[in-house]
PDB file of all heavy atoms in Angstrom:
ATOM      1  N   SER A   1     -16.397  -6.707  26.617  1.00  0.00           N
ATOM      2  CA  SER A   1     -17.666  -6.276  26.028  1.00  0.00           C
ATOM      3  C   SER A   1     -18.344  -5.192  26.860  1.00  0.00           C
ATOM      4  O   SER A   1     -18.997  -4.303  26.320  1.00  0.00           O
ATOM      5  CB  SER A   1     -18.598  -7.475  25.880  1.00  0.00           C
ATOM      6  OG  SER A   1     -18.049  -8.412  24.969  1.00  0.00           O
ATOM      7  N   ALA A   2     -18.189  -5.260  28.165  1.00  0.00           N
ATOM      8  CA  ALA A   2     -18.833  -4.278  29.037  1.00  0.00           C
ATOM      9  C   ALA A   2     -18.302  -2.873  28.762  1.00  0.00           C
ATOM     10  O   ALA A   2     -19.040  -1.888  28.879  1.00  0.00           O
ATOM     11  CB  ALA A   2     -18.609  -4.655  30.492  1.00  0.00           C
ATOM     12  N   LYS A   3     -17.024  -2.784  28.385  1.00  0.00           N
ATOM     13  CA  LYS A   3     -16.407  -1.487  28.116  1.00  0.00           C
ATOM     14  C   LYS A   3     -16.317  -1.198  26.627  1.00  0.00           C
ATOM     15  O   LYS A   3     -15.795  -0.150  26.234  1.00  0.00           O
ATOM     16  CB  LYS A   3     -15.004  -1.440  28.725  1.00  0.00           C
ATOM     17  CG  LYS A   3     -14.986  -1.551  30.243  1.00  0.00           C
ATOM     18  CD  LYS A   3     -13.569  -1.475  30.783  1.00  0.00           C
ATOM     19  CE  LYS A   3     -13.547  -1.562  32.291  1.00  0.00           C
ATOM     20  NZ  LYS A   3     -12.166  -1.507  32.848  1.00  0.00           N
ATOM     21  N   ASN A   4     -16.801  -2.126  25.806  1.00  0.00           N
ATOM     22  CA  ASN A   4     -16.717  -1.994  24.354  1.00  0.00           C
ATOM     23  C   ASN A   4     -15.286  -1.718  23.915  1.00  0.00           C
ATOM     24  O   ASN A   4     -15.003  -0.829  23.092  1.00  0.00           O
ATOM     25  CB  ASN A   4     -17.646  -0.891  23.852  1.00  0.00           C
ATOM     26  CG  ASN A   4     -18.235  -1.203  22.492  1.00  0.00           C
ATOM     27  OD1 ASN A   4     -18.401  -2.367  22.132  1.00  0.00           O
ATOM     28  ND2 ASN A   4     -18.552  -0.168  21.734  1.00  0.00           N
ATOM     29  N   THR A   5     -14.384  -2.520  24.466  1.00  0.00           N
ATOM     30  CA  THR A   5     -12.943  -2.313  24.279  1.00  0.00           C
ATOM     31  C   THR A   5     -12.289  -3.619  23.869  1.00  0.00           C
ATOM     32  O   THR A   5     -12.664  -4.688  24.335  1.00  0.00           O
ATOM     33  CB  THR A   5     -12.319  -1.796  25.584  1.00  0.00           C
ATOM     34  OG1 THR A   5     -12.876  -0.521  25.892  1.00  0.00           O
ATOM     35  CG2 THR A   5     -10.816  -1.674  25.474  1.00  0.00           C
ATOM     36  N   VAL A   6     -11.291  -3.503  23.008  1.00  0.00           N
ATOM     37  CA  VAL A   6     -10.431  -4.624  22.671  1.00  0.00           C
ATOM     38  C   VAL A   6      -9.016  -4.270  23.112  1.00  0.00           C
ATOM     39  O   VAL A   6      -8.562  -3.146  22.865  1.00  0.00           O
ATOM     40  CB  VAL A   6     -10.459  -4.914  21.161  1.00  0.00           C
ATOM     41  CG1 VAL A   6      -9.403  -5.931  20.798  1.00  0.00           C
ATOM     42  CG2 VAL A   6     -11.822  -5.425  20.755  1.00  0.00           C
ATOM     43  N   ASN A   7      -8.375  -5.217  23.752  1.00  0.00           N
ATOM     44  CA  ASN A   7      -7.043  -4.985  24.304  1.00  0.00           C
ATOM     45  C   ASN A   7      -6.007  -5.859  23.603  1.00  0.00           C
ATOM     46  O   ASN A   7      -6.330  -6.954  23.120  1.00  0.00           O
ATOM     47  CB  ASN A   7      -7.035  -5.301  25.796  1.00  0.00           C
ATOM     48  CG  ASN A   7      -8.006  -4.439  26.567  1.00  0.00           C
ATOM     49  OD1 ASN A   7      -7.978  -3.219  26.470  1.00  0.00           O
ATOM     50  ND2 ASN A   7      -8.883  -5.076  27.328  1.00  0.00           N
ATOM     51  N   LEU A   8      -4.789  -5.361  23.585  1.00  0.00           N
ATOM     52  CA  LEU A   8      -3.652  -6.143  23.103  1.00  0.00           C
ATOM     53  C   LEU A   8      -2.582  -6.099  24.181  1.00  0.00           C
ATOM     54  O   LEU A   8      -1.937  -5.057  24.381  1.00  0.00           O
ATOM     55  CB  LEU A   8      -3.114  -5.597  21.785  1.00  0.00           C
ATOM     56  CG  LEU A   8      -1.982  -6.406  21.157  1.00  0.00           C
ATOM     57  CD1 LEU A   8      -2.509  -7.766  20.679  1.00  0.00           C
ATOM     58  CD2 LEU A   8      -1.326  -5.663  20.001  1.00  0.00           C
ATOM     59  N   GLN A   9      -2.425  -7.189  24.885  1.00  0.00           N
ATOM     60  CA  GLN A   9      -1.380  -7.309  25.895  1.00  0.00           C
ATOM     61  C   GLN A   9      -0.101  -7.751  25.204  1.00  0.00           C
ATOM     62  O   GLN A   9      -0.090  -8.805  24.555  1.00  0.00           O
ATOM     63  CB  GLN A   9      -1.781  -8.315  26.973  1.00  0.00           C
ATOM     64  CG  GLN A   9      -0.737  -8.520  28.042  1.00  0.00           C
ATOM     65  CD  GLN A   9      -0.500  -7.281  28.888  1.00  0.00           C
ATOM     66  OE1 GLN A   9      -1.454  -6.587  29.249  1.00  0.00           O
ATOM     67  NE2 GLN A   9       0.749  -6.991  29.197  1.00  0.00           N
ATOM     68  N   MET A  10       0.938  -6.962  25.341  1.00  0.00           N
ATOM     69  CA  MET A  10       2.211  -7.243  24.672  1.00  0.00           C
ATOM     70  C   MET A  10       3.296  -7.457  25.724  1.00  0.00           C
ATOM     71  O   MET A  10       3.625  -6.526  26.474  1.00  0.00           O
ATOM     72  CB  MET A  10       2.584  -6.076  23.745  1.00  0.00           C
ATOM     73  CG  MET A  10       1.488  -5.728  22.744  1.00  0.00           C
ATOM     74  SD  MET A  10       2.010  -4.482  21.543  1.00  0.00           S
ATOM     75  CE  MET A  10       2.277  -3.073  22.622  1.00  0.00           C
ATOM     76  N   ASN A  11       3.821  -8.661  25.784  1.00  0.00           N
ATOM     77  CA  ASN A  11       4.859  -9.020  26.742  1.00  0.00           C
ATOM     78  C   ASN A  11       6.157  -9.346  26.018  1.00  0.00           C
ATOM     79  O   ASN A  11       6.154  -9.639  24.813  1.00  0.00           O
ATOM     80  CB  ASN A  11       4.410 -10.223  27.568  1.00  0.00           C
ATOM     81  CG  ASN A  11       3.170  -9.947  28.380  1.00  0.00           C
ATOM     82  OD1 ASN A  11       2.947  -8.833  28.852  1.00  0.00           O
ATOM     83  ND2 ASN A  11       2.343 -10.967  28.558  1.00  0.00           N
ATOM     84  N   ASN A  12       7.236  -9.312  26.773  1.00  0.00           N
ATOM     85  CA  ASN A  12       8.557  -9.625  26.212  1.00  0.00           C
ATOM     86  C   ASN A  12       8.785  -8.873  24.896  1.00  0.00           C
ATOM     87  O   ASN A  12       9.155  -9.463  23.874  1.00  0.00           O
ATOM     88  CB  ASN A  12       8.697 -11.137  25.990  1.00  0.00           C
ATOM     89  CG  ASN A  12      10.108 -11.545  25.649  1.00  0.00           C
ATOM     90  OD1 ASN A  12      11.068 -10.829  25.941  1.00  0.00           O
ATOM     91  ND2 ASN A  12      10.246 -12.696  25.021  1.00  0.00           N
ATOM     92  N   LEU A  13       8.579  -7.588  24.943  1.00  0.00           N
ATOM     93  CA  LEU A  13       8.683  -6.776  23.736  1.00  0.00           C
ATOM     94  C   LEU A  13      10.113  -6.741  23.210  1.00  0.00           C
ATOM     95  O   LEU A  13      11.081  -6.776  23.985  1.00  0.00           O
ATOM     96  CB  LEU A  13       8.181  -5.365  24.009  1.00  0.00           C
ATOM     97  CG  LEU A  13       6.652  -5.242  24.033  1.00  0.00           C
ATOM     98  CD1 LEU A  13       6.215  -3.985  24.771  1.00  0.00           C
ATOM     99  CD2 LEU A  13       6.103  -5.242  22.616  1.00  0.00           C
ATOM    100  N   LYS A  14      10.216  -6.662  21.893  1.00  0.00           N
ATOM    101  CA  LYS A  14      11.501  -6.637  21.211  1.00  0.00           C
ATOM    102  C   LYS A  14      11.604  -5.344  20.385  1.00  0.00           C
ATOM    103  O   LYS A  14      10.577  -4.779  19.998  1.00  0.00           O
ATOM    104  CB  LYS A  14      11.616  -7.841  20.282  1.00  0.00           C
ATOM    105  CG  LYS A  14      11.448  -9.180  20.983  1.00  0.00           C
ATOM    106  CD  LYS A  14      11.489 -10.324  19.988  1.00  0.00           C
ATOM    107  CE  LYS A  14      11.316 -11.668  20.693  1.00  0.00           C
ATOM    108  NZ  LYS A  14      11.382 -12.808  19.737  1.00  0.00           N
ATOM    109  N   PRO A  15      12.820  -4.898  20.101  1.00  0.00           N
ATOM    110  CA  PRO A  15      12.970  -3.675  19.283  1.00  0.00           C
ATOM    111  C   PRO A  15      12.240  -3.759  17.949  1.00  0.00           C
ATOM    112  O   PRO A  15      11.723  -2.741  17.465  1.00  0.00           O
ATOM    113  CB  PRO A  15      14.478  -3.571  19.098  1.00  0.00           C
ATOM    114  CG  PRO A  15      15.040  -4.215  20.328  1.00  0.00           C
ATOM    115  CD  PRO A  15      14.117  -5.361  20.627  1.00  0.00           C
ATOM    116  N   GLU A  16      12.149  -4.950  17.389  1.00  0.00           N
ATOM    117  CA  GLU A  16      11.456  -5.096  16.101  1.00  0.00           C
ATOM    118  C   GLU A  16       9.937  -4.960  16.222  1.00  0.00           C
ATOM    119  O   GLU A  16       9.240  -4.939  15.208  1.00  0.00           O
ATOM    120  CB  GLU A  16      11.808  -6.429  15.432  1.00  0.00           C
ATOM    121  CG  GLU A  16      11.631  -7.633  16.311  1.00  0.00           C
ATOM    122  CD  GLU A  16      12.934  -8.066  16.983  1.00  0.00           C
ATOM    123  OE1 GLU A  16      13.701  -7.184  17.449  1.00  0.00           O
ATOM    124  OE2 GLU A  16      13.171  -9.297  17.051  1.00  0.00           O
ATOM    125  N   ASP A  17       9.427  -4.862  17.440  1.00  0.00           N
ATOM    126  CA  ASP A  17       8.000  -4.591  17.636  1.00  0.00           C
ATOM    127  C   ASP A  17       7.686  -3.099  17.527  1.00  0.00           C
ATOM    128  O   ASP A  17       6.508  -2.702  17.553  1.00  0.00           O
ATOM    129  CB  ASP A  17       7.532  -5.090  19.006  1.00  0.00           C
ATOM    130  CG  ASP A  17       7.600  -6.598  19.138  1.00  0.00           C
ATOM    131  OD1 ASP A  17       7.240  -7.297  18.173  1.00  0.00           O
ATOM    132  OD2 ASP A  17       8.021  -7.073  20.219  1.00  0.00           O
ATOM    133  N   THR A  18       8.719  -2.277  17.429  1.00  0.00           N
ATOM    134  CA  THR A  18       8.521  -0.839  17.313  1.00  0.00           C
ATOM    135  C   THR A  18       7.739  -0.493  16.055  1.00  0.00           C
ATOM    136  O   THR A  18       8.099  -0.916  14.950  1.00  0.00           O
ATOM    137  CB  THR A  18       9.878  -0.114  17.282  1.00  0.00           C
ATOM    138  OG1 THR A  18      10.528  -0.302  18.544  1.00  0.00           O
ATOM    139  CG2 THR A  18       9.708   1.378  17.026  1.00  0.00           C
ATOM    140  N   ALA A  19       6.640   0.231  16.231  1.00  0.00           N
ATOM    141  CA  ALA A  19       5.764   0.567  15.107  1.00  0.00           C
ATOM    142  C   ALA A  19       4.620   1.438  15.619  1.00  0.00           C
ATOM    143  O   ALA A  19       4.436   1.594  16.836  1.00  0.00           O
ATOM    144  CB  ALA A  19       5.181  -0.695  14.469  1.00  0.00           C
ATOM    145  N   VAL A  20       3.848   1.957  14.691  1.00  0.00           N
ATOM    146  CA  VAL A  20       2.549   2.529  15.038  1.00  0.00           C
ATOM    147  C   VAL A  20       1.530   1.393  14.962  1.00  0.00           C
ATOM    148  O   VAL A  20       1.448   0.691  13.949  1.00  0.00           O
ATOM    149  CB  VAL A  20       2.144   3.667  14.087  1.00  0.00           C
ATOM    150  CG1 VAL A  20       0.745   4.194  14.452  1.00  0.00           C
ATOM    151  CG2 VAL A  20       3.167   4.799  14.147  1.00  0.00           C
ATOM    152  N   TYR A  21       0.781   1.217  16.030  1.00  0.00           N
ATOM    153  CA  TYR A  21      -0.197   0.139  16.122  1.00  0.00           C
ATOM    154  C   TYR A  21      -1.601   0.710  15.878  1.00  0.00           C
ATOM    155  O   TYR A  21      -1.991   1.708  16.494  1.00  0.00           O
ATOM    156  CB  TYR A  21      -0.120  -0.529  17.486  1.00  0.00           C
ATOM    157  CG  TYR A  21       1.055  -1.464  17.604  1.00  0.00           C
ATOM    158  CD1 TYR A  21       2.362  -0.983  17.675  1.00  0.00           C
ATOM    159  CD2 TYR A  21       0.868  -2.849  17.616  1.00  0.00           C
ATOM    160  CE1 TYR A  21       3.445  -1.840  17.753  1.00  0.00           C
ATOM    161  CE2 TYR A  21       1.945  -3.716  17.707  1.00  0.00           C
ATOM    162  CZ  TYR A  21       3.224  -3.203  17.769  1.00  0.00           C
ATOM    163  OH  TYR A  21       4.302  -4.068  17.845  1.00  0.00           O
ATOM    164  N   TYR A  22      -2.324   0.021  14.994  1.00  0.00           N
ATOM    165  CA  TYR A  22      -3.665   0.449  14.611  1.00  0.00           C
ATOM    166  C   TYR A  22      -4.696  -0.612  14.990  1.00  0.00           C
ATOM    167  O   TYR A  22      -4.483  -1.798  14.765  1.00  0.00           O
ATOM    168  CB  TYR A  22      -3.745   0.682  13.099  1.00  0.00           C
ATOM    169  CG  TYR A  22      -2.877   1.797  12.586  1.00  0.00           C
ATOM    170  CD1 TYR A  22      -1.567   1.554  12.182  1.00  0.00           C
ATOM    171  CD2 TYR A  22      -3.369   3.092  12.494  1.00  0.00           C
ATOM    172  CE1 TYR A  22      -0.759   2.572  11.700  1.00  0.00           C
ATOM    173  CE2 TYR A  22      -2.576   4.126  12.013  1.00  0.00           C
ATOM    174  CZ  TYR A  22      -1.266   3.854  11.625  1.00  0.00           C
ATOM    175  OH  TYR A  22      -0.478   4.871  11.145  1.00  0.00           O
ATOM    176  N   CYS A  23      -5.797  -0.148  15.518  1.00  0.00           N
ATOM    177  CA  CYS A  23      -6.952  -0.990  15.771  1.00  0.00           C
ATOM    178  C   CYS A  23      -7.875  -0.910  14.563  1.00  0.00           C
ATOM    179  O   CYS A  23      -7.995   0.152  13.935  1.00  0.00           O
ATOM    180  CB  CYS A  23      -7.648  -0.468  17.021  1.00  0.00           C
ATOM    181  SG  CYS A  23      -9.196  -1.260  17.431  1.00  0.00           S
ATOM    182  N   ALA A  24      -8.548  -2.020  14.249  1.00  0.00           N
ATOM    183  CA  ALA A  24      -9.442  -2.043  13.093  1.00  0.00           C
ATOM    184  C   ALA A  24     -10.607  -2.979  13.361  1.00  0.00           C
ATOM    185  O   ALA A  24     -10.487  -3.933  14.131  1.00  0.00           O
ATOM    186  CB  ALA A  24      -8.686  -2.493  11.848  1.00  0.00           C
ATOM    187  N   THR A  25     -11.712  -2.711  12.661  1.00  0.00           N
ATOM    188  CA  THR A  25     -12.882  -3.557  12.808  1.00  0.00           C
ATOM    189  C   THR A  25     -13.517  -3.810  11.448  1.00  0.00           C
ATOM    190  O   THR A  25     -13.346  -3.023  10.506  1.00  0.00           O
ATOM    191  CB  THR A  25     -13.903  -2.923  13.772  1.00  0.00           C
ATOM    192  OG1 THR A  25     -14.980  -3.832  13.996  1.00  0.00           O
ATOM    193  CG2 THR A  25     -14.464  -1.623  13.219  1.00  0.00           C
ATOM    194  N   THR A  26     -14.256  -4.893  11.371  1.00  0.00           N
ATOM    195  CA  THR A  26     -14.895  -5.303  10.131  1.00  0.00           C
ATOM    196  C   THR A  26     -16.377  -4.950  10.131  1.00  0.00           C
ATOM    197  O   THR A  26     -16.936  -4.638  11.182  1.00  0.00           O
ATOM    198  CB  THR A  26     -14.781  -6.820   9.954  1.00  0.00           C
ATOM    199  OG1 THR A  26     -15.526  -7.462  11.030  1.00  0.00           O
ATOM    200  CG2 THR A  26     -13.341  -7.281  10.013  1.00  0.00           C
ATOM    201  N   PRO A  27     -17.015  -5.049   8.986  1.00  0.00           N
ATOM    202  CA  PRO A  27     -18.481  -5.008   8.974  1.00  0.00           C
ATOM    203  C   PRO A  27     -19.043  -6.175   9.790  1.00  0.00           C
ATOM    204  O   PRO A  27     -18.325  -7.129  10.111  1.00  0.00           O
ATOM    205  CB  PRO A  27     -18.821  -5.148   7.488  1.00  0.00           C
ATOM    206  CG  PRO A  27     -17.596  -4.713   6.779  1.00  0.00           C
ATOM    207  CD  PRO A  27     -16.451  -5.115   7.650  1.00  0.00           C
ATOM    208  N   ALA A  28     -20.313  -6.102  10.109  1.00  0.00           N
ATOM    209  CA  ALA A  28     -20.933  -7.112  10.962  1.00  0.00           C
ATOM    210  C   ALA A  28     -20.842  -8.510  10.356  1.00  0.00           C
ATOM    211  O   ALA A  28     -20.954  -8.687   9.149  1.00  0.00           O
ATOM    212  CB  ALA A  28     -22.400  -6.750  11.202  1.00  0.00           C
ATOM    213  N   LEU A  29     -20.599  -9.471  11.242  1.00  0.00           N
ATOM    214  CA  LEU A  29     -20.599 -10.893  10.906  1.00  0.00           C
ATOM    215  C   LEU A  29     -19.566 -11.250   9.842  1.00  0.00           C
ATOM    216  O   LEU A  29     -19.751 -12.180   9.058  1.00  0.00           O
ATOM    217  CB  LEU A  29     -21.999 -11.327  10.453  1.00  0.00           C
ATOM    218  CG  LEU A  29     -23.155 -10.940  11.373  1.00  0.00           C
ATOM    219  CD1 LEU A  29     -24.467 -11.450  10.818  1.00  0.00           C
ATOM    220  CD2 LEU A  29     -22.922 -11.474  12.780  1.00  0.00           C
ATOM    221  N   ARG A  30     -18.477 -10.523   9.841  1.00  0.00           N
ATOM    222  CA  ARG A  30     -17.388 -10.810   8.907  1.00  0.00           C
ATOM    223  C   ARG A  30     -16.082 -10.807   9.676  1.00  0.00           C
ATOM    224  O   ARG A  30     -15.979 -10.193  10.727  1.00  0.00           O
ATOM    225  CB  ARG A  30     -17.339  -9.743   7.805  1.00  0.00           C
ATOM    226  CG  ARG A  30     -18.462  -9.839   6.784  1.00  0.00           C
ATOM    227  CD  ARG A  30     -18.195  -8.888   5.624  1.00  0.00           C
ATOM    228  NE  ARG A  30     -16.953  -9.166   4.943  1.00  0.00           N
ATOM    229  CZ  ARG A  30     -16.802 -10.064   3.979  1.00  0.00           C
ATOM    230  NH1 ARG A  30     -17.831 -10.766   3.587  1.00  0.00           N
ATOM    231  NH2 ARG A  30     -15.636 -10.238   3.404  1.00  0.00           N
ATOM    232  N   PRO A  31     -15.006 -11.364   9.110  1.00  0.00           N
ATOM    233  CA  PRO A  31     -14.988 -12.136   7.884  1.00  0.00           C
ATOM    234  C   PRO A  31     -15.115 -13.618   8.191  1.00  0.00           C
ATOM    235  O   PRO A  31     -15.412 -13.997   9.318  1.00  0.00           O
ATOM    236  CB  PRO A  31     -13.600 -11.822   7.346  1.00  0.00           C
ATOM    237  CG  PRO A  31     -12.765 -11.729   8.588  1.00  0.00           C
ATOM    238  CD  PRO A  31     -13.671 -11.144   9.655  1.00  0.00           C
ATOM    239  N   SER A  32     -14.827 -14.436   7.181  1.00  0.00           N
ATOM    240  CA  SER A  32     -14.661 -15.856   7.446  1.00  0.00           C
ATOM    241  C   SER A  32     -13.360 -16.053   8.209  1.00  0.00           C
ATOM    242  O   SER A  32     -12.488 -15.183   8.211  1.00  0.00           O
ATOM    243  CB  SER A  32     -14.607 -16.647   6.141  1.00  0.00           C
ATOM    244  OG  SER A  32     -13.390 -16.348   5.454  1.00  0.00           O
ATOM    245  N   LYS A  33     -13.216 -17.168   8.850  1.00  0.00           N
ATOM    246  CA  LYS A  33     -12.006 -17.422   9.631  1.00  0.00           C
ATOM    247  C   LYS A  33     -10.767 -17.451   8.734  1.00  0.00           C
ATOM    248  O   LYS A  33      -9.664 -17.134   9.177  1.00  0.00           O
ATOM    249  CB  LYS A  33     -12.161 -18.718  10.408  1.00  0.00           C
ATOM    250  CG  LYS A  33     -13.263 -18.636  11.463  1.00  0.00           C
ATOM    251  CD  LYS A  33     -13.456 -19.947  12.192  1.00  0.00           C
ATOM    252  CE  LYS A  33     -14.591 -19.824  13.225  1.00  0.00           C
ATOM    253  NZ  LYS A  33     -14.814 -21.089  13.942  1.00  0.00           N
ATOM    254  N   ALA A  34     -10.953 -17.801   7.477  1.00  0.00           N
ATOM    255  CA  ALA A  34      -9.809 -17.933   6.573  1.00  0.00           C
ATOM    256  C   ALA A  34      -9.194 -16.594   6.214  1.00  0.00           C
ATOM    257  O   ALA A  34      -8.033 -16.536   5.817  1.00  0.00           O
ATOM    258  CB  ALA A  34     -10.240 -18.670   5.302  1.00  0.00           C
ATOM    259  N   THR A  35      -9.957 -15.521   6.318  1.00  0.00           N
ATOM    260  CA  THR A  35      -9.465 -14.211   5.885  1.00  0.00           C
ATOM    261  C   THR A  35      -9.358 -13.240   7.046  1.00  0.00           C
ATOM    262  O   THR A  35      -9.343 -12.027   6.842  1.00  0.00           O
ATOM    263  CB  THR A  35     -10.364 -13.637   4.783  1.00  0.00           C
ATOM    264  OG1 THR A  35     -11.702 -13.537   5.279  1.00  0.00           O
ATOM    265  CG2 THR A  35     -10.342 -14.513   3.548  1.00  0.00           C
ATOM    266  N   LEU A  36      -9.260 -13.749   8.248  1.00  0.00           N
ATOM    267  CA  LEU A  36      -9.255 -12.903   9.435  1.00  0.00           C
ATOM    268  C   LEU A  36      -8.061 -11.954   9.469  1.00  0.00           C
ATOM    269  O   LEU A  36      -8.134 -10.900  10.080  1.00  0.00           O
ATOM    270  CB  LEU A  36      -9.264 -13.792  10.682  1.00  0.00           C
ATOM    271  CG  LEU A  36      -9.526 -13.146  12.029  1.00  0.00           C
ATOM    272  CD1 LEU A  36     -10.847 -12.405  12.033  1.00  0.00           C
ATOM    273  CD2 LEU A  36      -9.508 -14.205  13.116  1.00  0.00           C
ATOM    274  N   SER A  37      -6.966 -12.315   8.817  1.00  0.00           N
ATOM    275  CA  SER A  37      -5.772 -11.475   8.836  1.00  0.00           C
ATOM    276  C   SER A  37      -5.660 -10.561   7.610  1.00  0.00           C
ATOM    277  O   SER A  37      -4.668  -9.847   7.479  1.00  0.00           O
ATOM    278  CB  SER A  37      -4.521 -12.352   8.921  1.00  0.00           C
ATOM    279  OG  SER A  37      -4.436 -13.190   7.786  1.00  0.00           O
ATOM    280  N   ASP A  38      -6.657 -10.596   6.746  1.00  0.00           N
ATOM    281  CA  ASP A  38      -6.579  -9.813   5.513  1.00  0.00           C
ATOM    282  C   ASP A  38      -6.907  -8.338   5.755  1.00  0.00           C
ATOM    283  O   ASP A  38      -7.984  -7.997   6.244  1.00  0.00           O
ATOM    284  CB  ASP A  38      -7.547 -10.354   4.463  1.00  0.00           C
ATOM    285  CG  ASP A  38      -7.095 -11.670   3.884  1.00  0.00           C
ATOM    286  OD1 ASP A  38      -6.033 -12.175   4.325  1.00  0.00           O
ATOM    287  OD2 ASP A  38      -7.791 -12.211   3.021  1.00  0.00           O
TER     288      ASP A  38
END
């Protein structure tokens, strides 16, 4: 929070992890826990 940053630590990487990785954010106070991956 101090740096206003979100990190993704990726260990034991596999060839199938190869991709373009995108960061994304929601509107405030969203979503519900049930739709967090939508």
